Amino acid sequence: MPRVLDIRQKEVINVLNGKRMGTIIDMQFGNDGRLESITVPGPMRVTDFFRGDRRGILIPWENIQKVGEDVILVSIDPSGIHQRQSWER
């Protein structure tokens, strides 16, 4: 089983459009310790930068296709990517 640090450093690629989504900025775990979802950086607007607003794209575990040696392959409908969640470090 891969370590959390190893997973966080991998590039996330959407297999539906072949685009890089960035590296993981947040991970959510269930009460049983299993990974439930990951969050990658979302599209950034200029106003987000000045407000310090950090948002990301939530990817549920069901959409993670493969955790490879170098990348994580996910299947996310590109038309739904505009839906973002707030993220605080």
N, C-alpha and C. Protein backbone atom coordinates (compact mmCIF):
# COMPACT_ATOMS: atom_id res chain seq x y z
N MET A 1 0.84 -1.19 0.00
CA MET A 1 0.00 0.00 0.00
C MET A 1 0.88 1.24 0.00
N PRO A 2 0.61 2.19 -0.91
CA PRO A 2 1.41 3.41 -0.99
C PRO A 2 1.21 4.29 0.24
N ARG A 3 2.26 5.02 0.58
CA ARG A 3 2.17 5.95 1.70
C ARG A 3 1.49 7.24 1.24
N VAL A 4 0.87 7.94 2.18
CA VAL A 4 0.15 9.18 1.87
C VAL A 4 1.09 10.19 1.23
N LEU A 5 2.30 10.32 1.73
CA LEU A 5 3.26 11.28 1.18
C LEU A 5 3.58 10.94 -0.28
N ASP A 6 3.72 9.66 -0.59
CA ASP A 6 4.00 9.25 -1.96
C ASP A 6 2.84 9.59 -2.89
N ILE A 7 1.62 9.41 -2.43
CA ILE A 7 0.45 9.71 -3.25
C ILE A 7 0.31 11.21 -3.49
N ARG A 8 0.56 12.00 -2.47
CA ARG A 8 0.39 13.46 -2.57
C ARG A 8 1.32 14.08 -3.60
N GLN A 9 2.43 13.46 -3.87
CA GLN A 9 3.43 14.03 -4.78
C GLN A 9 3.21 13.64 -6.23
N LYS A 10 2.24 12.79 -6.50
CA LYS A 10 1.99 12.34 -7.87
C LYS A 10 1.10 13.33 -8.62
N GLU A 11 1.36 13.45 -9.92
CA GLU A 11 0.54 14.28 -10.80
C GLU A 11 -0.78 13.56 -11.06
N VAL A 12 -1.89 14.31 -11.04
CA VAL A 12 -3.21 13.74 -11.31
C VAL A 12 -3.59 14.07 -12.76
N ILE A 13 -3.96 13.03 -13.53
CA ILE A 13 -4.32 13.18 -14.94
C ILE A 13 -5.75 12.70 -15.13
N ASN A 14 -6.55 13.50 -15.84
CA ASN A 14 -7.92 13.12 -16.17
C ASN A 14 -7.90 12.31 -17.47
N VAL A 15 -8.31 11.04 -17.42
CA VAL A 15 -8.26 10.18 -18.61
C VAL A 15 -9.33 10.56 -19.64
N LEU A 16 -10.34 11.30 -19.24
CA LEU A 16 -11.40 11.66 -20.19
C LEU A 16 -10.97 12.74 -21.18
N ASN A 17 -10.04 13.61 -20.76
CA ASN A 17 -9.58 14.65 -21.68
C ASN A 17 -8.05 14.73 -21.77
N GLY A 18 -7.34 13.90 -21.00
CA GLY A 18 -5.88 13.85 -21.06
C GLY A 18 -5.18 15.01 -20.39
N LYS A 19 -5.92 15.86 -19.67
CA LYS A 19 -5.31 17.05 -19.06
C LYS A 19 -4.74 16.77 -17.68
N ARG A 20 -3.66 17.45 -17.39
CA ARG A 20 -3.07 17.41 -16.05
C ARG A 20 -3.92 18.27 -15.12
N MET A 21 -4.18 17.75 -13.94
CA MET A 21 -4.99 18.48 -12.98
C MET A 21 -4.16 19.03 -11.82
N GLY A 22 -2.89 18.67 -11.78
CA GLY A 22 -2.01 19.13 -10.71
C GLY A 22 -1.77 18.02 -9.70
N THR A 23 -1.14 18.39 -8.60
CA THR A 23 -0.90 17.43 -7.52
C THR A 23 -1.96 17.61 -6.44
N ILE A 24 -2.09 16.64 -5.60
CA ILE A 24 -3.11 16.64 -4.55
C ILE A 24 -2.83 17.73 -3.52
N ILE A 25 -3.86 18.51 -3.19
CA ILE A 25 -3.73 19.54 -2.16
C ILE A 25 -4.44 19.14 -0.87
N ASP A 26 -5.32 18.14 -0.94
CA ASP A 26 -6.03 17.69 0.25
C ASP A 26 -6.53 16.27 0.03
N MET A 27 -6.68 15.53 1.12
CA MET A 27 -7.20 14.16 1.07
C MET A 27 -8.21 14.01 2.20
N GLN A 28 -9.32 13.32 1.92
CA GLN A 28 -10.32 13.07 2.94
C GLN A 28 -10.38 11.56 3.21
N PHE A 29 -10.40 11.23 4.49
CA PHE A 29 -10.45 9.83 4.91
C PHE A 29 -11.72 9.58 5.70
N GLY A 30 -12.26 8.37 5.59
CA GLY A 30 -13.43 7.97 6.36
C GLY A 30 -13.03 7.58 7.76
N ASN A 31 -14.03 7.29 8.59
CA ASN A 31 -13.77 6.88 9.97
C ASN A 31 -12.96 5.59 10.05
N ASP A 32 -13.05 4.77 9.01
CA ASP A 32 -12.31 3.51 8.99
C ASP A 32 -10.89 3.68 8.46
N GLY A 33 -10.48 4.92 8.14
CA GLY A 33 -9.13 5.20 7.67
C GLY A 33 -8.93 5.04 6.18
N ARG A 34 -9.98 4.71 5.46
CA ARG A 34 -9.87 4.56 4.01
C ARG A 34 -9.99 5.91 3.31
N LEU A 35 -9.24 6.04 2.22
CA LEU A 35 -9.28 7.26 1.43
C LEU A 35 -10.63 7.37 0.74
N GLU A 36 -11.33 8.49 0.96
CA GLU A 36 -12.65 8.70 0.35
C GLU A 36 -12.59 9.63 -0.84
N SER A 37 -11.68 10.61 -0.82
CA SER A 37 -11.58 11.53 -1.95
C SER A 37 -10.26 12.30 -1.87
N ILE A 38 -9.92 12.87 -3.01
CA ILE A 38 -8.75 13.75 -3.08
C ILE A 38 -9.22 15.09 -3.64
N THR A 39 -8.45 16.12 -3.40
CA THR A 39 -8.74 17.44 -3.94
C THR A 39 -7.50 17.92 -4.68
N VAL A 40 -7.72 18.40 -5.90
CA VAL A 40 -6.63 18.97 -6.70
C VAL A 40 -6.94 20.45 -6.92
N PRO A 41 -5.93 21.25 -7.29
CA PRO A 41 -6.19 22.67 -7.50
C PRO A 41 -7.23 22.88 -8.59
N GLY A 42 -8.11 23.82 -8.38
CA GLY A 42 -9.11 24.17 -9.38
C GLY A 42 -8.64 25.34 -10.21
N PRO A 43 -9.43 25.72 -11.18
CA PRO A 43 -9.07 26.91 -11.97
C PRO A 43 -8.98 28.12 -11.05
N MET A 44 -7.94 28.89 -11.20
CA MET A 44 -7.74 30.04 -10.32
C MET A 44 -8.10 31.31 -11.05
N ARG A 45 -8.88 32.14 -10.39
CA ARG A 45 -9.21 33.46 -10.93
C ARG A 45 -8.32 34.49 -10.24
N VAL A 46 -8.12 35.62 -10.88
CA VAL A 46 -7.29 36.67 -10.31
C VAL A 46 -7.83 37.10 -8.95
N THR A 47 -9.14 37.21 -8.82
CA THR A 47 -9.73 37.64 -7.55
C THR A 47 -9.48 36.62 -6.44
N ASP A 48 -9.41 35.33 -6.79
CA ASP A 48 -9.10 34.30 -5.79
C ASP A 48 -7.71 34.53 -5.21
N PHE A 49 -6.76 34.89 -6.07
CA PHE A 49 -5.39 35.11 -5.63
C PHE A 49 -5.31 36.26 -4.63
N PHE A 50 -5.96 37.37 -4.94
CA PHE A 50 -5.87 38.54 -4.06
C PHE A 50 -6.62 38.35 -2.76
N ARG A 51 -7.67 37.54 -2.76
CA ARG A 51 -8.42 37.28 -1.54
C ARG A 51 -7.80 36.14 -0.73
N GLY A 52 -6.82 35.45 -1.30
CA GLY A 52 -6.24 34.30 -0.62
C GLY A 52 -7.20 33.12 -0.61
N ASP A 53 -8.15 33.13 -1.53
CA ASP A 53 -9.16 32.09 -1.61
C ASP A 53 -8.58 30.88 -2.33
N ARG A 54 -8.54 29.75 -1.65
CA ARG A 54 -8.03 28.54 -2.26
C ARG A 54 -9.18 27.58 -2.49
N ARG A 55 -9.33 27.16 -3.71
CA ARG A 55 -10.40 26.23 -4.05
C ARG A 55 -9.81 25.08 -4.84
N GLY A 56 -10.52 23.98 -4.78
CA GLY A 56 -10.04 22.82 -5.50
C GLY A 56 -11.18 21.98 -6.04
N ILE A 57 -10.82 20.99 -6.82
CA ILE A 57 -11.77 20.07 -7.41
C ILE A 57 -11.76 18.78 -6.58
N LEU A 58 -12.89 18.43 -6.03
CA LEU A 58 -13.03 17.22 -5.22
C LEU A 58 -13.23 16.03 -6.15
N ILE A 59 -12.39 15.01 -5.98
CA ILE A 59 -12.48 13.79 -6.79
C ILE A 59 -12.76 12.61 -5.86
N PRO A 60 -13.96 12.05 -5.90
CA PRO A 60 -14.29 10.90 -5.05
C PRO A 60 -13.46 9.67 -5.42
N TRP A 61 -13.27 8.79 -4.44
CA TRP A 61 -12.49 7.58 -4.64
C TRP A 61 -12.98 6.78 -5.84
N GLU A 62 -14.27 6.76 -6.08
CA GLU A 62 -14.85 5.99 -7.19
C GLU A 62 -14.33 6.48 -8.55
N ASN A 63 -13.86 7.72 -8.62
CA ASN A 63 -13.38 8.28 -9.88
C ASN A 63 -11.87 8.09 -10.07
N ILE A 64 -11.21 7.52 -9.08
CA ILE A 64 -9.78 7.25 -9.22
C ILE A 64 -9.63 5.91 -9.92
N GLN A 65 -9.06 5.94 -11.12
CA GLN A 65 -8.94 4.74 -11.94
C GLN A 65 -7.71 3.92 -11.59
N LYS A 66 -6.57 4.61 -11.39
CA LYS A 66 -5.32 3.90 -11.16
C LYS A 66 -4.33 4.81 -10.45
N VAL A 67 -3.67 4.26 -9.43
CA VAL A 67 -2.55 4.96 -8.79
C VAL A 67 -1.30 4.30 -9.34
N GLY A 68 -0.65 4.99 -10.27
CA GLY A 68 0.54 4.45 -10.92
C GLY A 68 1.81 4.84 -10.21
N GLU A 69 2.92 4.48 -10.82
CA GLU A 69 4.22 4.78 -10.24
C GLU A 69 4.51 6.28 -10.25
N ASP A 70 4.08 6.95 -11.33
CA ASP A 70 4.37 8.38 -11.48
C ASP A 70 3.14 9.28 -11.43
N VAL A 71 1.97 8.74 -11.78
CA VAL A 71 0.76 9.56 -11.87
C VAL A 71 -0.43 8.83 -11.26
N ILE A 72 -1.48 9.62 -11.02
CA ILE A 72 -2.77 9.08 -10.60
C ILE A 72 -3.74 9.38 -11.74
N LEU A 73 -4.38 8.34 -12.26
CA LEU A 73 -5.35 8.51 -13.34
C LEU A 73 -6.75 8.57 -12.75
N VAL A 74 -7.48 9.61 -13.13
CA VAL A 74 -8.85 9.78 -12.64
C VAL A 74 -9.78 9.94 -13.84
N SER A 75 -11.05 9.69 -13.61
CA SER A 75 -12.07 9.84 -14.64
C SER A 75 -13.10 10.82 -14.11
N ILE A 76 -13.00 12.06 -14.58
CA ILE A 76 -13.88 13.14 -14.12
C ILE A 76 -14.43 13.86 -15.34
N ASP A 77 -15.74 14.03 -15.41
CA ASP A 77 -16.37 14.71 -16.53
C ASP A 77 -15.89 16.16 -16.57
N PRO A 78 -15.21 16.56 -17.65
CA PRO A 78 -14.68 17.92 -17.72
C PRO A 78 -15.75 19.00 -17.59
N SER A 79 -16.98 18.72 -17.98
CA SER A 79 -18.03 19.75 -17.87
C SER A 79 -18.42 20.01 -16.42
N GLY A 80 -18.13 19.10 -15.51
CA GLY A 80 -18.45 19.28 -14.09
C GLY A 80 -17.32 19.84 -13.28
N ILE A 81 -16.20 20.13 -13.92
CA ILE A 81 -15.01 20.59 -13.19
C ILE A 81 -15.18 22.00 -12.64
N HIS A 82 -16.08 22.79 -13.18
CA HIS A 82 -16.26 24.16 -12.69
C HIS A 82 -16.82 24.17 -11.25
N GLN A 83 -17.35 23.05 -10.78
CA GLN A 83 -17.85 22.98 -9.41
C GLN A 83 -16.66 22.78 -8.49
N ARG A 84 -16.48 23.73 -7.58
CA ARG A 84 -15.29 23.70 -6.74
C ARG A 84 -15.68 23.77 -5.28
N GLN A 85 -14.78 23.33 -4.43
CA GLN A 85 -15.00 23.43 -2.99
C GLN A 85 -13.87 24.25 -2.39
N SER A 86 -14.16 24.95 -1.30
CA SER A 86 -13.13 25.71 -0.62
C SER A 86 -12.16 24.76 0.07
N TRP A 87 -10.93 25.20 0.14
CA TRP A 87 -9.89 24.41 0.77
C TRP A 87 -9.01 25.32 1.60
N GLU A 88 -8.73 24.91 2.82
CA GLU A 88 -7.85 25.70 3.68
C GLU A 88 -6.72 24.82 4.12
N ARG A 89 -5.55 25.36 4.12
CA ARG A 89 -4.36 24.62 4.52
C ARG A 89 -4.14 24.75 5.99
